[in-house]
Amino acid sequence: MIGSQALVASRHYNDSMIAYSTSITSYNPSMQPWELSIPVSDISAEYVNEQMIIFGVLVPLGNQTSFNHVW
């Protein structure tokens, strides 16, 4: 969805994983690494039992009390 920010992951040909944050700015997004408006640290991913799992730690939001998310 345009305007969304995302954590994405992919598996390389040698089975190593890459995970990063990106911003969806069009219907044909570049999927380039992008800093999110909500700080997320320790982004990583693993592929286990044919499932890709993405991890990330939300940094405290300060004065912000809520945020919207898309699955």
PDB file of N, CA and C in Angstrom:
ATOM      1  N   MET A   1       0.848  -1.164   0.000  1.00  0.00           N
ATOM      2  CA  MET A   1       0.000   0.000   0.000  1.00  0.00           C
ATOM      3  C   MET A   1       0.904   1.241   0.000  1.00  0.00           C
ATOM      4  N   ILE A   2       0.666   2.130  -0.929  1.00  0.00           N
ATOM      5  CA  ILE A   2       1.468   3.345  -1.027  1.00  0.00           C
ATOM      6  C   ILE A   2       1.377   4.116   0.283  1.00  0.00           C
ATOM      7  N   GLY A   3       2.531   4.590   0.747  1.00  0.00           N
ATOM      8  CA  GLY A   3       2.607   5.302   2.012  1.00  0.00           C
ATOM      9  C   GLY A   3       3.009   4.407   3.164  1.00  0.00           C
ATOM     10  N   SER A   4       3.005   3.105   2.926  1.00  0.00           N
ATOM     11  CA  SER A   4       3.418   2.161   3.976  1.00  0.00           C
ATOM     12  C   SER A   4       4.931   2.145   4.099  1.00  0.00           C
ATOM     13  N   GLN A   5       5.389   1.752   5.241  1.00  0.00           N
ATOM     14  CA  GLN A   5       6.800   1.497   5.484  1.00  0.00           C
ATOM     15  C   GLN A   5       6.891   0.045   5.902  1.00  0.00           C
ATOM     16  N   ALA A   6       7.963  -0.623   5.526  1.00  0.00           N
ATOM     17  CA  ALA A   6       7.974  -2.072   5.698  1.00  0.00           C
ATOM     18  C   ALA A   6       9.333  -2.601   6.121  1.00  0.00           C
ATOM     19  N   LEU A   7       9.287  -3.746   6.781  1.00  0.00           N
ATOM     20  CA  LEU A   7      10.467  -4.573   6.981  1.00  0.00           C
ATOM     21  C   LEU A   7      10.370  -5.671   5.935  1.00  0.00           C
ATOM     22  N   VAL A   8      11.408  -5.847   5.150  1.00  0.00           N
ATOM     23  CA  VAL A   8      11.408  -6.855   4.092  1.00  0.00           C
ATOM     24  C   VAL A   8      12.629  -7.746   4.244  1.00  0.00           C
ATOM     25  N   ALA A   9      12.534  -8.929   3.679  1.00  0.00           N
ATOM     26  CA  ALA A   9      13.657  -9.860   3.720  1.00  0.00           C
ATOM     27  C   ALA A   9      13.660 -10.684   2.448  1.00  0.00           C
ATOM     28  N   SER A  10      14.832 -11.166   2.081  1.00  0.00           N
ATOM     29  CA  SER A  10      14.944 -12.079   0.949  1.00  0.00           C
ATOM     30  C   SER A  10      16.099 -13.035   1.209  1.00  0.00           C
ATOM     31  N   ARG A  11      16.038 -14.140   0.508  1.00  0.00           N
ATOM     32  CA  ARG A  11      17.064 -15.170   0.654  1.00  0.00           C
ATOM     33  C   ARG A  11      17.910 -15.172  -0.613  1.00  0.00           C
ATOM     34  N   HIS A  12      19.232 -15.099  -0.446  1.00  0.00           N
ATOM     35  CA  HIS A  12      20.162 -15.107  -1.564  1.00  0.00           C
ATOM     36  C   HIS A  12      20.363 -16.523  -2.082  1.00  0.00           C
ATOM     37  N   TYR A  13      20.983 -16.609  -3.248  1.00  0.00           N
ATOM     38  CA  TYR A  13      21.250 -17.901  -3.882  1.00  0.00           C
ATOM     39  C   TYR A  13      22.056 -18.842  -2.989  1.00  0.00           C
ATOM     40  N   ASN A  14      22.882 -18.286  -2.102  1.00  0.00           N
ATOM     41  CA  ASN A  14      23.710 -19.116  -1.211  1.00  0.00           C
ATOM     42  C   ASN A  14      23.027 -19.359   0.135  1.00  0.00           C
ATOM     43  N   ASP A  15      21.721 -19.093   0.209  1.00  0.00           N
ATOM     44  CA  ASP A  15      20.881 -19.289   1.390  1.00  0.00           C
ATOM     45  C   ASP A  15      21.120 -18.287   2.513  1.00  0.00           C
ATOM     46  N   SER A  16      21.968 -17.283   2.297  1.00  0.00           N
ATOM     47  CA  SER A  16      22.099 -16.239   3.312  1.00  0.00           C
ATOM     48  C   SER A  16      20.878 -15.324   3.224  1.00  0.00           C
ATOM     49  N   MET A  17      20.572 -14.654   4.316  1.00  0.00           N
ATOM     50  CA  MET A  17      19.392 -13.792   4.392  1.00  0.00           C
ATOM     51  C   MET A  17      19.813 -12.327   4.444  1.00  0.00           C
ATOM     52  N   ILE A  18      18.973 -11.473   3.896  1.00  0.00           N
ATOM     53  CA  ILE A  18      19.143 -10.033   4.033  1.00  0.00           C
ATOM     54  C   ILE A  18      17.796  -9.468   4.484  1.00  0.00           C
ATOM     55  N   ALA A  19      17.833  -8.553   5.431  1.00  0.00           N
ATOM     56  CA  ALA A  19      16.610  -7.919   5.939  1.00  0.00           C
ATOM     57  C   ALA A  19      16.890  -6.434   6.138  1.00  0.00           C
ATOM     58  N   TYR A  20      15.898  -5.610   5.817  1.00  0.00           N
ATOM     59  CA  TYR A  20      16.071  -4.165   5.938  1.00  0.00           C
ATOM     60  C   TYR A  20      14.707  -3.489   5.944  1.00  0.00           C
ATOM     61  N   SER A  21      14.701  -2.203   6.206  1.00  0.00           N
ATOM     62  CA  SER A  21      13.462  -1.421   6.157  1.00  0.00           C
ATOM     63  C   SER A  21      13.400  -0.688   4.819  1.00  0.00           C
ATOM     64  N   THR A  22      12.179  -0.433   4.360  1.00  0.00           N
ATOM     65  CA  THR A  22      11.987   0.296   3.107  1.00  0.00           C
ATOM     66  C   THR A  22      10.675   1.066   3.169  1.00  0.00           C
ATOM     67  N   SER A  23      10.493   1.960   2.226  1.00  0.00           N
ATOM     68  CA  SER A  23       9.272   2.753   2.139  1.00  0.00           C
ATOM     69  C   SER A  23       8.586   2.446   0.811  1.00  0.00           C
ATOM     70  N   ILE A  24       7.278   2.255   0.846  1.00  0.00           N
ATOM     71  CA  ILE A  24       6.504   1.984  -0.362  1.00  0.00           C
ATOM     72  C   ILE A  24       5.966   3.323  -0.859  1.00  0.00           C
ATOM     73  N   THR A  25       6.584   3.853  -1.913  1.00  0.00           N
ATOM     74  CA  THR A  25       6.254   5.194  -2.390  1.00  0.00           C
ATOM     75  C   THR A  25       5.476   5.199  -3.700  1.00  0.00           C
ATOM     76  N   SER A  26       5.288   4.019  -4.315  1.00  0.00           N
ATOM     77  CA  SER A  26       4.556   3.941  -5.579  1.00  0.00           C
ATOM     78  C   SER A  26       4.044   2.518  -5.768  1.00  0.00           C
ATOM     79  N   TYR A  27       3.307   2.302  -6.858  1.00  0.00           N
ATOM     80  CA  TYR A  27       2.847   0.951  -7.173  1.00  0.00           C
ATOM     81  C   TYR A  27       3.978   0.087  -7.718  1.00  0.00           C
ATOM     82  N   ASN A  28       5.114   0.701  -8.011  1.00  0.00           N
ATOM     83  CA  ASN A  28       6.305  -0.008  -8.468  1.00  0.00           C
ATOM     84  C   ASN A  28       7.474   0.425  -7.584  1.00  0.00           C
ATOM     85  N   PRO A  29       7.477   0.039  -6.304  1.00  0.00           N
ATOM     86  CA  PRO A  29       8.487   0.544  -5.360  1.00  0.00           C
ATOM     87  C   PRO A  29       9.887   0.035  -5.687  1.00  0.00           C
ATOM     88  N   SER A  30      10.878   0.831  -5.338  1.00  0.00           N
ATOM     89  CA  SER A  30      12.272   0.462  -5.607  1.00  0.00           C
ATOM     90  C   SER A  30      12.772  -0.621  -4.662  1.00  0.00           C
ATOM     91  N   MET A  31      12.147  -0.735  -3.492  1.00  0.00           N
ATOM     92  CA  MET A  31      12.543  -1.706  -2.465  1.00  0.00           C
ATOM     93  C   MET A  31      13.981  -1.479  -1.985  1.00  0.00           C
ATOM     94  N   GLN A  32      14.464  -0.259  -2.118  1.00  0.00           N
ATOM     95  CA  GLN A  32      15.787   0.085  -1.616  1.00  0.00           C
ATOM     96  C   GLN A  32      15.703   0.334  -0.113  1.00  0.00           C
ATOM     97  N   PRO A  33      16.797   0.079   0.607  1.00  0.00           N
ATOM     98  CA  PRO A  33      16.794   0.372   2.050  1.00  0.00           C
ATOM     99  C   PRO A  33      16.407   1.829   2.306  1.00  0.00           C
ATOM    100  N   TRP A  34      15.601   2.033   3.353  1.00  0.00           N
ATOM    101  CA  TRP A  34      15.058   3.354   3.657  1.00  0.00           C
ATOM    102  C   TRP A  34      14.844   3.427   5.160  1.00  0.00           C
ATOM    103  N   GLU A  35      15.173   4.540   5.761  1.00  0.00           N
ATOM    104  CA  GLU A  35      14.951   4.714   7.194  1.00  0.00           C
ATOM    105  C   GLU A  35      13.470   4.961   7.451  1.00  0.00           C
ATOM    106  N   LEU A  36      12.916   4.244   8.408  1.00  0.00           N
ATOM    107  CA  LEU A  36      11.496   4.378   8.726  1.00  0.00           C
ATOM    108  C   LEU A  36      11.249   5.578   9.630  1.00  0.00           C
ATOM    109  N   SER A  37      10.005   6.042   9.667  1.00  0.00           N
ATOM    110  CA  SER A  37       9.658   7.161  10.545  1.00  0.00           C
ATOM    111  C   SER A  37       9.601   6.718  12.004  1.00  0.00           C
ATOM    112  N   ILE A  38       9.389   5.433  12.236  1.00  0.00           N
ATOM    113  CA  ILE A  38       9.447   4.858  13.586  1.00  0.00           C
ATOM    114  C   ILE A  38      10.765   4.103  13.685  1.00  0.00           C
ATOM    115  N   PRO A  39      11.643   4.463  14.618  1.00  0.00           N
ATOM    116  CA  PRO A  39      12.943   3.802  14.696  1.00  0.00           C
ATOM    117  C   PRO A  39      12.815   2.305  14.990  1.00  0.00           C
ATOM    118  N   VAL A  40      13.473   1.499  14.155  1.00  0.00           N
ATOM    119  CA  VAL A  40      13.525   0.051  14.335  1.00  0.00           C
ATOM    120  C   VAL A  40      14.991  -0.347  14.308  1.00  0.00           C
ATOM    121  N   SER A  41      15.411  -1.139  15.283  1.00  0.00           N
ATOM    122  CA  SER A  41      16.802  -1.592  15.328  1.00  0.00           C
ATOM    123  C   SER A  41      16.847  -3.111  15.236  1.00  0.00           C
ATOM    124  N   ASP A  42      18.028  -3.631  15.077  1.00  0.00           N
ATOM    125  CA  ASP A  42      18.283  -5.077  15.077  1.00  0.00           C
ATOM    126  C   ASP A  42      17.401  -5.820  14.072  1.00  0.00           C
ATOM    127  N   ILE A  43      17.275  -5.290  12.860  1.00  0.00           N
ATOM    128  CA  ILE A  43      16.484  -5.960  11.828  1.00  0.00           C
ATOM    129  C   ILE A  43      17.273  -7.157  11.313  1.00  0.00           C
ATOM    130  N   SER A  44      16.627  -8.308  11.311  1.00  0.00           N
ATOM    131  CA  SER A  44      17.265  -9.528  10.818  1.00  0.00           C
ATOM    132  C   SER A  44      16.181 -10.472  10.321  1.00  0.00           C
ATOM    133  N   ALA A  45      16.606 -11.565   9.703  1.00  0.00           N
ATOM    134  CA  ALA A  45      15.643 -12.553   9.208  1.00  0.00           C
ATOM    135  C   ALA A  45      16.284 -13.926   9.233  1.00  0.00           C
ATOM    136  N   GLU A  46      15.427 -14.930   9.276  1.00  0.00           N
ATOM    137  CA  GLU A  46      15.891 -16.311   9.155  1.00  0.00           C
ATOM    138  C   GLU A  46      14.864 -17.099   8.355  1.00  0.00           C
ATOM    139  N   TYR A  47      15.328 -18.166   7.744  1.00  0.00           N
ATOM    140  CA  TYR A  47      14.468 -19.037   6.955  1.00  0.00           C
ATOM    141  C   TYR A  47      14.536 -20.415   7.583  1.00  0.00           C
ATOM    142  N   VAL A  48      13.424 -20.860   8.164  1.00  0.00           N
ATOM    143  CA  VAL A  48      13.371 -22.129   8.890  1.00  0.00           C
ATOM    144  C   VAL A  48      12.096 -22.862   8.489  1.00  0.00           C
ATOM    145  N   ASN A  49      12.222 -24.137   8.185  1.00  0.00           N
ATOM    146  CA  ASN A  49      11.052 -24.960   7.834  1.00  0.00           C
ATOM    147  C   ASN A  49      10.187 -24.310   6.757  1.00  0.00           C
ATOM    148  N   GLU A  50      10.845 -23.773   5.728  1.00  0.00           N
ATOM    149  CA  GLU A  50      10.172 -23.135   4.597  1.00  0.00           C
ATOM    150  C   GLU A  50       9.352 -21.908   4.995  1.00  0.00           C
ATOM    151  N   GLN A  51       9.712 -21.280   6.111  1.00  0.00           N
ATOM    152  CA  GLN A  51       9.068 -20.044   6.545  1.00  0.00           C
ATOM    153  C   GLN A  51      10.123 -18.967   6.749  1.00  0.00           C
ATOM    154  N   MET A  52       9.850 -17.779   6.235  1.00  0.00           N
ATOM    155  CA  MET A  52      10.743 -16.649   6.436  1.00  0.00           C
ATOM    156  C   MET A  52      10.219 -15.839   7.616  1.00  0.00           C
ATOM    157  N   ILE A  53      11.092 -15.586   8.577  1.00  0.00           N
ATOM    158  CA  ILE A  53      10.727 -14.847   9.784  1.00  0.00           C
ATOM    159  C   ILE A  53      11.579 -13.585   9.832  1.00  0.00           C
ATOM    160  N   ILE A  54      10.924 -12.433  10.000  1.00  0.00           N
ATOM    161  CA  ILE A  54      11.622 -11.153  10.081  1.00  0.00           C
ATOM    162  C   ILE A  54      11.530 -10.646  11.513  1.00  0.00           C
ATOM    163  N   PHE A  55      12.663 -10.204  12.039  1.00  0.00           N
ATOM    164  CA  PHE A  55      12.737  -9.681  13.397  1.00  0.00           C
ATOM    165  C   PHE A  55      13.122  -8.207  13.358  1.00  0.00           C
ATOM    166  N   GLY A  56      12.618  -7.442  14.306  1.00  0.00           N
ATOM    167  CA  GLY A  56      13.003  -6.051  14.465  1.00  0.00           C
ATOM    168  C   GLY A  56      12.580  -5.574  15.842  1.00  0.00           C
ATOM    169  N   VAL A  57      13.322  -4.650  16.388  1.00  0.00           N
ATOM    170  CA  VAL A  57      13.021  -4.109  17.714  1.00  0.00           C
ATOM    171  C   VAL A  57      12.567  -2.660  17.551  1.00  0.00           C
ATOM    172  N   LEU A  58      11.340  -2.379  18.003  1.00  0.00           N
ATOM    173  CA  LEU A  58      10.851  -1.002  17.981  1.00  0.00           C
ATOM    174  C   LEU A  58      11.515  -0.212  19.094  1.00  0.00           C
ATOM    175  N   VAL A  59      12.049   0.939  18.739  1.00  0.00           N
ATOM    176  CA  VAL A  59      12.655   1.832  19.713  1.00  0.00           C
ATOM    177  C   VAL A  59      11.509   2.580  20.399  1.00  0.00           C
ATOM    178  N   PRO A  60      11.618   2.901  21.683  1.00  0.00           N
ATOM    179  CA  PRO A  60      10.542   3.635  22.364  1.00  0.00           C
ATOM    180  C   PRO A  60      10.079   4.837  21.545  1.00  0.00           C
ATOM    181  N   LEU A  61       8.775   5.055  21.536  1.00  0.00           N
ATOM    182  CA  LEU A  61       8.164   6.052  20.669  1.00  0.00           C
ATOM    183  C   LEU A  61       8.149   7.464  21.243  1.00  0.00           C
ATOM    184  N   GLY A  62       8.725   7.680  22.403  1.00  0.00           N
ATOM    185  CA  GLY A  62       8.734   9.016  22.992  1.00  0.00           C
ATOM    186  C   GLY A  62       7.333   9.452  23.362  1.00  0.00           C
ATOM    187  N   ASN A  63       6.896  10.609  22.866  1.00  0.00           N
ATOM    188  CA  ASN A  63       5.560  11.132  23.182  1.00  0.00           C
ATOM    189  C   ASN A  63       4.452  10.484  22.365  1.00  0.00           C
ATOM    190  N   GLN A  64       4.823   9.749  21.333  1.00  0.00           N
ATOM    191  CA  GLN A  64       3.814   9.103  20.491  1.00  0.00           C
ATOM    192  C   GLN A  64       3.201   7.928  21.251  1.00  0.00           C
ATOM    193  N   THR A  65       1.888   7.835  21.249  1.00  0.00           N
ATOM    194  CA  THR A  65       1.213   6.790  22.027  1.00  0.00           C
ATOM    195  C   THR A  65       0.720   5.633  21.177  1.00  0.00           C
ATOM    196  N   SER A  66       0.692   5.810  19.855  1.00  0.00           N
ATOM    197  CA  SER A  66       0.224   4.719  18.998  1.00  0.00           C
ATOM    198  C   SER A  66       0.808   4.866  17.597  1.00  0.00           C
ATOM    199  N   PHE A  67       0.725   3.790  16.831  1.00  0.00           N
ATOM    200  CA  PHE A  67       1.083   3.833  15.424  1.00  0.00           C
ATOM    201  C   PHE A  67       0.270   2.764  14.706  1.00  0.00           C
ATOM    202  N   ASN A  68       0.053   2.965  13.411  1.00  0.00           N
ATOM    203  CA  ASN A  68      -0.703   2.006  12.608  1.00  0.00           C
ATOM    204  C   ASN A  68       0.261   1.027  11.963  1.00  0.00           C
ATOM    205  N   HIS A  69      -0.180  -0.206  11.785  1.00  0.00           N
ATOM    206  CA  HIS A  69       0.656  -1.186  11.100  1.00  0.00           C
ATOM    207  C   HIS A  69      -0.184  -1.995  10.120  1.00  0.00           C
ATOM    208  N   VAL A  70       0.490  -2.531   9.102  1.00  0.00           N
ATOM    209  CA  VAL A  70      -0.144  -3.326   8.054  1.00  0.00           C
ATOM    210  C   VAL A  70       0.548  -4.674   8.022  1.00  0.00           C
ATOM    211  N   TRP A  71      -0.220  -5.742   7.966  1.00  0.00           N
ATOM    212  CA  TRP A  71       0.363  -7.087   7.856  1.00  0.00           C
ATOM    213  C   TRP A  71       0.263  -7.547   6.433  1.00  0.00           C
TER     214      TRP A  71
END
